[in-house]
C-alpha atoms as a PDB file:
ATOM      1  CA  MET A   1     -69.076 -62.464 -29.055  1.00  0.00           C
ATOM      2  CA  LEU A   2     -72.074 -59.918 -28.618  1.00  0.00           C
ATOM      3  CA  ILE A   3     -69.763 -57.014 -29.165  1.00  0.00           C
ATOM      4  CA  GLN A   4     -68.468 -58.672 -32.555  1.00  0.00           C
ATOM      5  CA  LYS A   5     -72.118 -59.334 -33.571  1.00  0.00           C
ATOM      6  CA  ASN A   6     -73.137 -55.798 -32.873  1.00  0.00           C
ATOM      7  CA  PHE A   7     -70.066 -54.468 -34.685  1.00  0.00           C
ATOM      8  CA  SER A   8     -70.711 -56.771 -37.751  1.00  0.00           C
ATOM      9  CA  ALA A   9     -74.357 -55.577 -37.860  1.00  0.00           C
ATOM     10  CA  LYS A  10     -73.254 -51.938 -37.640  1.00  0.00           C
ATOM     11  CA  LEU A  11     -70.676 -52.377 -40.392  1.00  0.00           C
ATOM     12  CA  LYS A  12     -73.250 -54.204 -42.540  1.00  0.00           C
ATOM     13  CA  SER A  13     -75.759 -51.415 -42.302  1.00  0.00           C
ATOM     14  CA  MET A  14     -73.102 -48.728 -42.861  1.00  0.00           C
ATOM     15  CA  PHE A  15     -71.881 -50.463 -45.881  1.00  0.00           C
ATOM     16  CA  GLU A  16     -75.613 -50.825 -47.294  1.00  0.00           C
ATOM     17  CA  PHE A  17     -76.135 -47.171 -46.648  1.00  0.00           C
ATOM     18  CA  LEU A  18     -73.060 -46.025 -48.309  1.00  0.00           C
ATOM     19  CA  SER A  19     -73.098 -48.481 -51.385  1.00  0.00           C
ATOM     20  CA  GLY A  20     -76.751 -48.885 -52.019  1.00  0.00           C
ATOM     21  CA  CYS A  21     -76.255 -52.701 -52.232  1.00  0.00           C
ATOM     22  CA  GLN A  22     -78.278 -54.855 -50.001  1.00  0.00           C
ATOM     23  CA  MET A  23     -76.118 -57.647 -48.400  1.00  0.00           C
ATOM     24  CA  ARG A  24     -77.078 -61.001 -47.123  1.00  0.00           C
ATOM     25  CA  GLY A  25     -75.585 -61.885 -43.632  1.00  0.00           C
ATOM     26  CA  SER A  26     -73.150 -64.491 -45.259  1.00  0.00           C
ATOM     27  CA  GLN A  27     -71.588 -61.609 -47.544  1.00  0.00           C
ATOM     28  CA  LEU A  28     -70.082 -59.624 -44.810  1.00  0.00           C
ATOM     29  CA  LYS A  29     -66.760 -61.663 -44.102  1.00  0.00           C
ATOM     30  CA  LEU A  30     -63.677 -60.049 -43.194  1.00  0.00           C
ATOM     31  CA  SER A  31     -61.283 -62.371 -44.907  1.00  0.00           C
ATOM     32  CA  SER A  32     -57.972 -62.100 -46.827  1.00  0.00           C
ATOM     33  CA  ASN A  33     -59.653 -62.844 -50.107  1.00  0.00           C
ATOM     34  CA  PRO A  34     -63.129 -61.621 -50.231  1.00  0.00           C
ATOM     35  CA  ASP A  35     -65.430 -62.327 -53.212  1.00  0.00           C
ATOM     36  CA  LEU A  36     -65.026 -59.014 -54.955  1.00  0.00           C
ATOM     37  CA  ILE A  37     -67.199 -60.081 -57.863  1.00  0.00           C
ATOM     38  CA  ASP A  38     -70.075 -60.416 -55.350  1.00  0.00           C
ATOM     39  CA  LEU A  39     -69.247 -56.963 -53.886  1.00  0.00           C
ATOM     40  CA  ILE A  40     -68.684 -55.035 -57.179  1.00  0.00           C
ATOM     41  CA  SER A  41     -71.943 -56.704 -58.700  1.00  0.00           C
ATOM     42  CA  CYS A  42     -74.057 -55.917 -55.529  1.00  0.00           C
ATOM     43  CA  GLY A  43     -74.642 -59.626 -55.046  1.00  0.00           C
ATOM     44  CA  GLU A  44     -75.798 -60.321 -58.584  1.00  0.00           C
ATOM     45  CA  LEU A  45     -72.759 -62.437 -59.378  1.00  0.00           C
ATOM     46  CA  THR A  46     -70.077 -64.281 -57.482  1.00  0.00           C
ATOM     47  CA  SER A  47     -66.600 -65.578 -58.386  1.00  0.00           C
ATOM     48  CA  HIS A  48     -68.239 -68.881 -59.321  1.00  0.00           C
ATOM     49  CA  SER A  49     -71.013 -67.450 -61.622  1.00  0.00           C
ATOM     50  CA  ASP A  50     -71.212 -68.790 -65.245  1.00  0.00           C
ATOM     51  CA  PRO A  51     -70.056 -66.652 -68.099  1.00  0.00           C
ATOM     52  CA  LEU A  52     -73.571 -66.179 -69.503  1.00  0.00           C
ATOM     53  CA  SER A  53     -74.601 -64.639 -66.210  1.00  0.00           C
ATOM     54  CA  GLU A  54     -71.714 -62.172 -66.450  1.00  0.00           C
ATOM     55  CA  ILE A  55     -72.367 -61.315 -70.043  1.00  0.00           C
ATOM     56  CA  ARG A  56     -76.127 -60.618 -68.994  1.00  0.00           C
ATOM     57  CA  LEU A  57     -75.090 -58.243 -66.061  1.00  0.00           C
ATOM     58  CA  VAL A  58     -72.577 -56.501 -68.271  1.00  0.00           C
ATOM     59  CA  LYS A  59     -74.918 -56.008 -71.198  1.00  0.00           C
ATOM     60  CA  ASN A  60     -77.718 -54.527 -68.732  1.00  0.00           C
ATOM     61  CA  GLY A  61     -75.125 -52.517 -66.875  1.00  0.00           C
ATOM     62  CA  MET A  62     -73.884 -52.750 -63.279  1.00  0.00           C
ATOM     63  CA  LYS A  63     -74.983 -50.503 -60.460  1.00  0.00           C
ATOM     64  CA  ALA A  64     -72.394 -47.834 -59.775  1.00  0.00           C
ATOM     65  CA  SER A  65     -72.981 -48.424 -56.097  1.00  0.00           C
ATOM     66  CA  GLY A  66     -71.143 -51.592 -56.531  1.00  0.00           C
ATOM     67  CA  VAL A  67     -68.065 -49.900 -57.788  1.00  0.00           C
ATOM     68  CA  TYR A  68     -68.145 -47.416 -54.917  1.00  0.00           C
ATOM     69  CA  ALA A  69     -68.311 -50.482 -52.567  1.00  0.00           C
ATOM     70  CA  PHE A  70     -65.439 -52.152 -54.360  1.00  0.00           C
ATOM     71  CA  ALA A  71     -63.449 -48.913 -54.274  1.00  0.00           C
ATOM     72  CA  ASN A  72     -63.950 -48.725 -50.511  1.00  0.00           C
ATOM     73  CA  ALA A  73     -63.030 -52.285 -49.792  1.00  0.00           C
ATOM     74  CA  MET A  74     -59.785 -51.783 -51.832  1.00  0.00           C
ATOM     75  CA  GLY A  75     -59.004 -48.624 -50.236  1.00  0.00           C
ATOM     76  CA  TRP A  76     -59.144 -46.786 -53.529  1.00  0.00           C
ATOM     77  CA  ASN A  77     -60.340 -43.214 -53.919  1.00  0.00           C
ATOM     78  CA  MET A  78     -62.834 -42.283 -56.839  1.00  0.00           C
ATOM     79  CA  THR A  79     -60.026 -41.066 -59.133  1.00  0.00           C
ATOM     80  CA  THR A  80     -58.216 -44.393 -58.904  1.00  0.00           C
ATOM     81  CA  ILE A  81     -61.173 -46.703 -59.498  1.00  0.00           C
ATOM     82  CA  ALA A  82     -62.453 -44.298 -62.316  1.00  0.00           C
ATOM     83  CA  GLN A  83     -58.979 -44.578 -64.007  1.00  0.00           C
ATOM     84  CA  ALA A  84     -58.855 -48.391 -63.476  1.00  0.00           C
ATOM     85  CA  ILE A  85     -62.230 -48.980 -65.198  1.00  0.00           C
ATOM     86  CA  GLY A  86     -61.785 -46.335 -67.917  1.00  0.00           C
ATOM     87  CA  THR A  87     -63.957 -43.538 -66.940  1.00  0.00           C
ATOM     88  CA  THR A  88     -63.773 -40.387 -64.885  1.00  0.00           C
ATOM     89  CA  SER A  89     -64.825 -39.688 -61.197  1.00  0.00           C
ATOM     90  CA  MET A  90     -67.203 -37.161 -62.428  1.00  0.00           C
ATOM     91  CA  MET A  91     -68.939 -39.725 -64.598  1.00  0.00           C
ATOM     92  CA  LEU A  92     -69.137 -42.195 -61.714  1.00  0.00           C
ATOM     93  CA  SER A  93     -70.489 -39.558 -59.285  1.00  0.00           C
ATOM     94  CA  ARG A  94     -73.264 -38.693 -61.997  1.00  0.00           C
ATOM     95  CA  SER A  95     -74.036 -42.504 -62.354  1.00  0.00           C
ATOM     96  CA  LYS A  96     -74.260 -43.306 -58.630  1.00  0.00           C
ATOM     97  CA  ALA A  97     -77.899 -43.912 -58.862  1.00  0.00           C
ATOM     98  CA  LYS A  98     -77.739 -45.368 -62.390  1.00  0.00           C
ATOM     99  CA  LEU A  99     -76.445 -48.328 -64.252  1.00  0.00           C
ATOM    100  CA  LEU A 100     -73.060 -48.262 -65.801  1.00  0.00           C
ATOM    101  CA  SER A 101     -72.532 -48.619 -69.479  1.00  0.00           C
ATOM    102  CA  SER A 102     -71.732 -52.052 -70.625  1.00  0.00           C
ATOM    103  CA  HIS A 103     -68.050 -51.126 -71.511  1.00  0.00           C
ATOM    104  CA  THR A 104     -67.481 -49.618 -67.946  1.00  0.00           C
ATOM    105  CA  SER A 105     -69.336 -52.605 -66.327  1.00  0.00           C
ATOM    106  CA  GLU A 106     -67.101 -55.053 -68.062  1.00  0.00           C
ATOM    107  CA  ASN A 107     -63.944 -53.133 -67.069  1.00  0.00           C
ATOM    108  CA  ALA A 108     -65.157 -52.868 -63.583  1.00  0.00           C
ATOM    109  CA  LEU A 109     -65.948 -56.712 -63.495  1.00  0.00           C
ATOM    110  CA  GLU A 110     -62.514 -57.570 -64.983  1.00  0.00           C
ATOM    111  CA  VAL A 111     -60.660 -55.347 -62.428  1.00  0.00           C
ATOM    112  CA  ALA A 112     -62.409 -57.005 -59.531  1.00  0.00           C
ATOM    113  CA  LYS A 113     -61.380 -60.565 -61.025  1.00  0.00           C
ATOM    114  CA  LEU A 114     -57.774 -59.221 -61.401  1.00  0.00           C
ATOM    115  CA  SER A 115     -57.812 -57.978 -57.972  1.00  0.00           C
ATOM    116  CA  MET A 116     -58.884 -61.303 -56.524  1.00  0.00           C
ATOM    117  CA  ILE A 117     -55.914 -63.084 -58.405  1.00  0.00           C
ATOM    118  CA  GLY A 118     -53.577 -60.319 -57.065  1.00  0.00           C
ATOM    119  CA  ILE A 119     -54.980 -60.564 -53.510  1.00  0.00           C
ATOM    120  CA  ASP A 120     -54.722 -64.332 -53.554  1.00  0.00           C
ATOM    121  CA  TYR A 121     -51.072 -64.188 -54.722  1.00  0.00           C
ATOM    122  CA  PHE A 122     -49.928 -61.529 -52.461  1.00  0.00           C
ATOM    123  CA  GLY A 123     -51.875 -62.411 -49.471  1.00  0.00           C
ATOM    124  CA  SER A 124     -53.649 -59.092 -48.731  1.00  0.00           C
ATOM    125  CA  ILE A 125     -55.341 -56.093 -50.250  1.00  0.00           C
ATOM    126  CA  ASP A 126     -52.546 -53.953 -48.809  1.00  0.00           C
ATOM    127  CA  ILE A 127     -49.792 -55.701 -50.370  1.00  0.00           C
ATOM    128  CA  TRP A 128     -51.606 -56.037 -53.753  1.00  0.00           C
ATOM    129  CA  ASN A 129     -52.236 -52.205 -53.697  1.00  0.00           C
ATOM    130  CA  ALA A 130     -48.514 -51.601 -52.931  1.00  0.00           C
ATOM    131  CA  TRP A 131     -47.482 -53.956 -55.796  1.00  0.00           C
ATOM    132  CA  LEU A 132     -49.896 -52.067 -58.113  1.00  0.00           C
ATOM    133  CA  ASN A 133     -48.033 -48.799 -57.106  1.00  0.00           C
ATOM    134  CA  ASN A 134     -44.380 -49.873 -57.704  1.00  0.00           C
ATOM    135  CA  ALA A 135     -42.812 -49.931 -61.167  1.00  0.00           C
ATOM    136  CA  HIS A 136     -42.012 -53.231 -62.558  1.00  0.00           C
ATOM    137  CA  ILE A 137     -39.451 -54.214 -65.069  1.00  0.00           C
ATOM    138  CA  LYS A 138     -41.755 -56.586 -67.000  1.00  0.00           C
ATOM    139  CA  LEU A 139     -44.050 -53.600 -67.565  1.00  0.00           C
ATOM    140  CA  ASP A 140     -41.258 -51.366 -69.070  1.00  0.00           C
ATOM    141  CA  GLY A 141     -40.770 -49.629 -65.631  1.00  0.00           C
ATOM    142  CA  ARG A 142     -44.459 -48.654 -65.288  1.00  0.00           C
ATOM    143  CA  GLU A 143     -46.777 -49.144 -62.321  1.00  0.00           C
ATOM    144  CA  PRO A 144     -49.166 -51.964 -62.879  1.00  0.00           C
ATOM    145  CA  ARG A 145     -51.998 -49.632 -61.683  1.00  0.00           C
ATOM    146  CA  THR A 146     -51.544 -47.581 -64.920  1.00  0.00           C
ATOM    147  CA  MET A 147     -52.370 -50.709 -67.003  1.00  0.00           C
ATOM    148  CA  LEU A 148     -55.628 -51.640 -65.352  1.00  0.00           C
ATOM    149  CA  ASN A 149     -57.960 -49.730 -67.643  1.00  0.00           C
ATOM    150  CA  SER A 150     -57.067 -51.825 -70.890  1.00  0.00           C
ATOM    151  CA  ILE A 151     -57.513 -55.353 -71.729  1.00  0.00           C
ATOM    152  CA  ARG A 152     -53.960 -56.070 -72.746  1.00  0.00           C
ATOM    153  CA  GLY A 153     -52.787 -54.313 -69.573  1.00  0.00           C
ATOM    154  CA  ARG A 154     -54.845 -56.495 -67.472  1.00  0.00           C
ATOM    155  CA  GLU A 155     -53.588 -59.605 -69.439  1.00  0.00           C
ATOM    156  CA  LEU A 156     -49.962 -58.429 -68.911  1.00  0.00           C
ATOM    157  CA  ILE A 157     -50.579 -58.013 -65.253  1.00  0.00           C
ATOM    158  CA  LYS A 158     -52.013 -61.568 -64.886  1.00  0.00           C
ATOM    159  CA  SER A 159     -49.008 -62.766 -66.958  1.00  0.00           C
ATOM    160  CA  VAL A 160     -46.564 -61.103 -64.512  1.00  0.00           C
ATOM    161  CA  ILE A 161     -48.266 -62.491 -61.521  1.00  0.00           C
ATOM    162  CA  LYS A 162     -48.201 -66.103 -63.026  1.00  0.00           C
ATOM    163  CA  GLN A 163     -44.629 -65.697 -63.694  1.00  0.00           C
ATOM    164  CA  LEU A 164     -44.054 -64.618 -60.086  1.00  0.00           C
ATOM    165  CA  GLN A 165     -46.105 -67.738 -58.881  1.00  0.00           C
ATOM    166  CA  PHE A 166     -43.883 -70.133 -60.843  1.00  0.00           C
ATOM    167  CA  GLY A 167     -40.544 -68.451 -59.782  1.00  0.00           C
ATOM    168  CA  PHE A 168     -39.706 -66.296 -62.663  1.00  0.00           C
ATOM    169  CA  THR A 169     -37.973 -63.202 -61.311  1.00  0.00           C
ATOM    170  CA  ALA A 170     -37.900 -59.498 -62.279  1.00  0.00           C
END
């Protein structure tokens, strides 16, 4: 038990150092479906936040450090997360200590929401990532990851997951 507490404390401090986000003790949970909204927003929102709070955060801009933390949790490199939220890895690295634009913030928040849906359905981050990297017939033979950076692409991915949930194949 003591070893686990020490490990959790070290992991928490390493996360805070790398991401620039301050975490509360209850936020560091290794679960199959973490609150990625809380992570990407550096604790300013949760998956249960109201839409007006989301609009305020997006309008003001999110911290780039939250995007770094999200990418780390998902096992994505900077190029992957940058493409998913419609920016470049160079722009993200330049913005690390700054706030992101409202457009990039909104994309990041929506990718985190979609990832929570995907992780919930597939059961783990690894399986969700594997699915994102495999061509799908409902997406014209494209990999879902290539569609994360657009509103319609994210809607289509949600639709495919919903169809999978209710037993539609292909």
